């Protein structure tokens, strides 16, 4: 599964993690402000990324402040 497109990435995060993302603009929302976002969802996202062939180091994910930051890392570590 290619997550290079931010819309596909957001749709995958929304569908697989069950998050209520506020549309494409949600990519820039601070993770702490996303409804339902917590450390469990971060772990679920790590697993989702690994299953789709994107091995982003966890310490880099923990530095991310938004889903756009995470998407940038996904593209960097494909």
N, C-alpha and C. Protein backbone atom coordinates (compact mmCIF):
# COMPACT_ATOMS: atom_id res chain seq x y z
N UNK A 1 0.85 -1.18 0.00
CA UNK A 1 0.00 0.00 0.00
C UNK A 1 0.89 1.24 0.00
N UNK A 2 0.68 2.08 -0.95
CA UNK A 2 1.45 3.31 -1.02
C UNK A 2 0.75 4.41 -0.22
N UNK A 3 1.48 5.00 0.67
CA UNK A 3 0.94 6.09 1.49
C UNK A 3 1.60 7.41 1.11
N UNK A 4 2.15 7.48 -0.11
CA UNK A 4 2.86 8.68 -0.53
C UNK A 4 1.95 9.89 -0.66
N UNK A 5 0.70 9.66 -1.01
CA UNK A 5 -0.26 10.76 -1.15
C UNK A 5 -0.86 11.06 0.22
N UNK A 6 -0.85 12.32 0.61
CA UNK A 6 -1.33 12.67 1.95
C UNK A 6 -2.81 12.33 2.14
N UNK A 7 -3.62 12.45 1.08
CA UNK A 7 -5.04 12.11 1.21
C UNK A 7 -5.22 10.62 1.48
N UNK A 8 -4.45 9.78 0.79
CA UNK A 8 -4.51 8.33 1.02
C UNK A 8 -4.04 8.03 2.43
N UNK A 9 -2.97 8.68 2.86
CA UNK A 9 -2.45 8.48 4.21
C UNK A 9 -3.51 8.84 5.25
N UNK A 10 -4.15 9.99 5.09
CA UNK A 10 -5.17 10.42 6.06
C UNK A 10 -6.37 9.48 6.06
N UNK A 11 -6.77 9.04 4.88
CA UNK A 11 -7.91 8.12 4.79
C UNK A 11 -7.56 6.79 5.48
N UNK A 12 -6.34 6.32 5.28
CA UNK A 12 -5.91 5.08 5.91
C UNK A 12 -5.88 5.23 7.42
N UNK A 13 -5.34 6.33 7.90
CA UNK A 13 -5.29 6.58 9.35
C UNK A 13 -6.71 6.64 9.91
N UNK A 14 -7.58 7.36 9.21
CA UNK A 14 -8.97 7.49 9.67
C UNK A 14 -9.66 6.13 9.71
N UNK A 15 -9.54 5.37 8.64
CA UNK A 15 -10.26 4.09 8.54
C UNK A 15 -9.67 3.02 9.45
N UNK A 16 -8.35 2.92 9.48
CA UNK A 16 -7.71 1.83 10.24
C UNK A 16 -7.63 2.13 11.73
N UNK A 17 -7.49 3.38 12.10
CA UNK A 17 -7.40 3.72 13.51
C UNK A 17 -8.74 4.18 14.08
N UNK A 18 -9.72 4.40 13.19
CA UNK A 18 -11.04 4.82 13.64
C UNK A 18 -11.07 6.22 14.22
N UNK A 19 -10.18 7.06 13.72
CA UNK A 19 -10.15 8.44 14.20
C UNK A 19 -11.09 9.31 13.37
N UNK A 20 -11.68 10.29 14.02
CA UNK A 20 -12.55 11.25 13.34
C UNK A 20 -11.69 12.44 12.95
N UNK A 21 -11.07 12.36 11.74
CA UNK A 21 -10.17 13.42 11.29
C UNK A 21 -10.97 14.52 10.62
N UNK A 22 -10.60 15.75 10.90
CA UNK A 22 -11.34 16.89 10.34
C UNK A 22 -10.93 17.21 8.90
N UNK A 23 -11.07 16.27 7.96
CA UNK A 23 -10.78 16.52 6.55
C UNK A 23 -9.30 16.71 6.29
N UNK A 24 -8.97 17.12 5.04
CA UNK A 24 -7.56 17.30 4.68
C UNK A 24 -6.83 18.29 5.59
N UNK A 25 -7.55 19.27 6.09
CA UNK A 25 -6.92 20.24 6.98
C UNK A 25 -6.47 19.58 8.29
N UNK A 26 -7.01 18.41 8.57
CA UNK A 26 -6.64 17.68 9.78
C UNK A 26 -5.19 17.26 9.79
N UNK A 27 -4.56 17.25 8.63
CA UNK A 27 -3.14 16.86 8.56
C UNK A 27 -2.27 17.80 9.37
N UNK A 28 -2.70 19.05 9.47
CA UNK A 28 -1.90 20.05 10.18
C UNK A 28 -2.32 20.25 11.63
N UNK A 29 -3.36 19.56 12.04
CA UNK A 29 -3.82 19.67 13.42
C UNK A 29 -2.80 19.01 14.35
N UNK A 30 -2.51 19.67 15.44
CA UNK A 30 -1.58 19.08 16.41
C UNK A 30 -2.14 17.74 16.88
N UNK A 31 -1.27 16.75 16.99
CA UNK A 31 -1.73 15.42 17.41
C UNK A 31 -2.48 15.49 18.74
N UNK A 32 -2.01 16.32 19.64
CA UNK A 32 -2.66 16.41 20.95
C UNK A 32 -4.07 16.98 20.85
N UNK A 33 -4.40 17.62 19.73
CA UNK A 33 -5.73 18.19 19.54
C UNK A 33 -6.66 17.30 18.72
N UNK A 34 -6.13 16.16 18.20
CA UNK A 34 -6.97 15.25 17.43
C UNK A 34 -7.88 14.47 18.38
N UNK A 35 -9.19 14.46 18.11
CA UNK A 35 -10.09 13.69 18.96
C UNK A 35 -9.71 12.20 18.96
N UNK A 36 -9.50 11.64 20.12
CA UNK A 36 -9.20 10.22 20.23
C UNK A 36 -7.73 9.86 20.12
N UNK A 37 -6.88 10.84 19.83
CA UNK A 37 -5.45 10.53 19.68
C UNK A 37 -4.83 10.25 21.04
N UNK A 38 -4.09 9.14 21.13
CA UNK A 38 -3.39 8.81 22.36
C UNK A 38 -2.20 7.91 22.03
N UNK A 39 -1.47 7.50 23.04
CA UNK A 39 -0.26 6.70 22.81
C UNK A 39 -0.60 5.34 22.18
N UNK A 40 -1.77 4.80 22.48
CA UNK A 40 -2.17 3.53 21.85
C UNK A 40 -2.33 3.71 20.35
N UNK A 41 -2.90 4.82 19.94
CA UNK A 41 -3.04 5.07 18.51
C UNK A 41 -1.68 5.26 17.86
N UNK A 42 -0.73 5.83 18.56
CA UNK A 42 0.62 5.95 18.00
C UNK A 42 1.20 4.56 17.75
N UNK A 43 1.02 3.65 18.71
CA UNK A 43 1.52 2.28 18.53
C UNK A 43 0.79 1.58 17.39
N UNK A 44 -0.51 1.79 17.31
CA UNK A 44 -1.28 1.20 16.20
C UNK A 44 -0.80 1.76 14.86
N UNK A 45 -0.45 3.04 14.83
CA UNK A 45 0.05 3.66 13.61
C UNK A 45 1.41 3.07 13.24
N UNK A 46 2.27 2.85 14.23
CA UNK A 46 3.57 2.22 13.97
C UNK A 46 3.36 0.85 13.31
N UNK A 47 2.44 0.06 13.86
CA UNK A 47 2.16 -1.27 13.30
C UNK A 47 1.60 -1.14 11.88
N UNK A 48 0.69 -0.22 11.69
CA UNK A 48 0.10 0.00 10.37
C UNK A 48 1.18 0.37 9.35
N UNK A 49 2.07 1.26 9.74
CA UNK A 49 3.14 1.68 8.82
C UNK A 49 4.05 0.51 8.50
N UNK A 50 4.41 -0.28 9.50
CA UNK A 50 5.29 -1.43 9.26
C UNK A 50 4.62 -2.45 8.35
N UNK A 51 3.33 -2.70 8.57
CA UNK A 51 2.60 -3.65 7.73
C UNK A 51 2.54 -3.19 6.28
N UNK A 52 2.59 -1.88 6.07
CA UNK A 52 2.53 -1.35 4.71
C UNK A 52 3.92 -1.08 4.13
N UNK A 53 4.96 -1.54 4.84
CA UNK A 53 6.32 -1.45 4.31
C UNK A 53 7.05 -0.16 4.61
N UNK A 54 6.52 0.64 5.52
CA UNK A 54 7.16 1.91 5.89
C UNK A 54 7.74 1.78 7.29
N UNK A 55 9.05 1.63 7.37
CA UNK A 55 9.71 1.44 8.67
C UNK A 55 10.29 2.76 9.16
N UNK A 56 9.41 3.54 9.76
CA UNK A 56 9.82 4.84 10.31
C UNK A 56 10.27 4.60 11.75
N UNK A 57 11.49 5.03 12.11
CA UNK A 57 11.95 4.85 13.49
C UNK A 57 10.98 5.48 14.49
N UNK A 58 10.70 4.77 15.54
CA UNK A 58 9.71 5.24 16.53
C UNK A 58 10.14 6.57 17.13
N UNK A 59 11.44 6.73 17.37
CA UNK A 59 11.86 8.00 17.99
C UNK A 59 11.56 9.19 17.07
N UNK A 60 11.58 8.96 15.74
CA UNK A 60 11.23 10.04 14.80
C UNK A 60 9.72 10.31 14.85
N UNK A 61 8.92 9.23 14.98
CA UNK A 61 7.47 9.42 15.07
C UNK A 61 7.09 10.18 16.33
N UNK A 62 7.83 9.91 17.40
CA UNK A 62 7.51 10.57 18.67
C UNK A 62 7.85 12.06 18.64
N UNK A 63 8.69 12.46 17.70
CA UNK A 63 9.02 13.88 17.54
C UNK A 63 7.97 14.62 16.72
N UNK A 64 7.15 13.87 15.97
CA UNK A 64 6.15 14.48 15.09
C UNK A 64 5.09 15.19 15.91
N UNK A 65 4.64 16.31 15.40
CA UNK A 65 3.62 17.11 16.09
C UNK A 65 2.27 17.06 15.38
N UNK A 66 2.25 16.55 14.14
CA UNK A 66 0.99 16.49 13.38
C UNK A 66 1.04 15.27 12.46
N UNK A 67 -0.11 14.94 11.89
CA UNK A 67 -0.14 13.84 10.92
C UNK A 67 0.66 14.20 9.68
N UNK A 68 0.72 15.50 9.34
CA UNK A 68 1.55 15.90 8.19
C UNK A 68 3.01 15.61 8.48
N UNK A 69 3.45 15.88 9.72
CA UNK A 69 4.83 15.54 10.10
C UNK A 69 5.07 14.04 9.92
N UNK A 70 4.12 13.23 10.35
CA UNK A 70 4.26 11.77 10.23
C UNK A 70 4.27 11.38 8.76
N UNK A 71 3.39 12.00 7.97
CA UNK A 71 3.37 11.69 6.54
C UNK A 71 4.71 12.05 5.88
N UNK A 72 5.32 13.15 6.27
CA UNK A 72 6.64 13.52 5.74
C UNK A 72 7.66 12.43 6.07
N UNK A 73 7.58 11.89 7.28
CA UNK A 73 8.50 10.80 7.66
C UNK A 73 8.21 9.53 6.85
N UNK A 74 6.94 9.26 6.60
CA UNK A 74 6.57 8.08 5.80
C UNK A 74 7.22 8.18 4.42
N UNK A 75 7.17 9.36 3.82
CA UNK A 75 7.79 9.53 2.50
C UNK A 75 9.31 9.43 2.60
N UNK A 76 9.86 9.92 3.69
CA UNK A 76 11.32 9.90 3.87
C UNK A 76 11.84 8.47 4.06
N UNK A 77 11.06 7.61 4.71
CA UNK A 77 11.50 6.24 5.04
C UNK A 77 10.80 5.18 4.22
N UNK A 78 10.48 5.45 2.97
CA UNK A 78 9.84 4.41 2.13
C UNK A 78 10.85 3.47 1.57
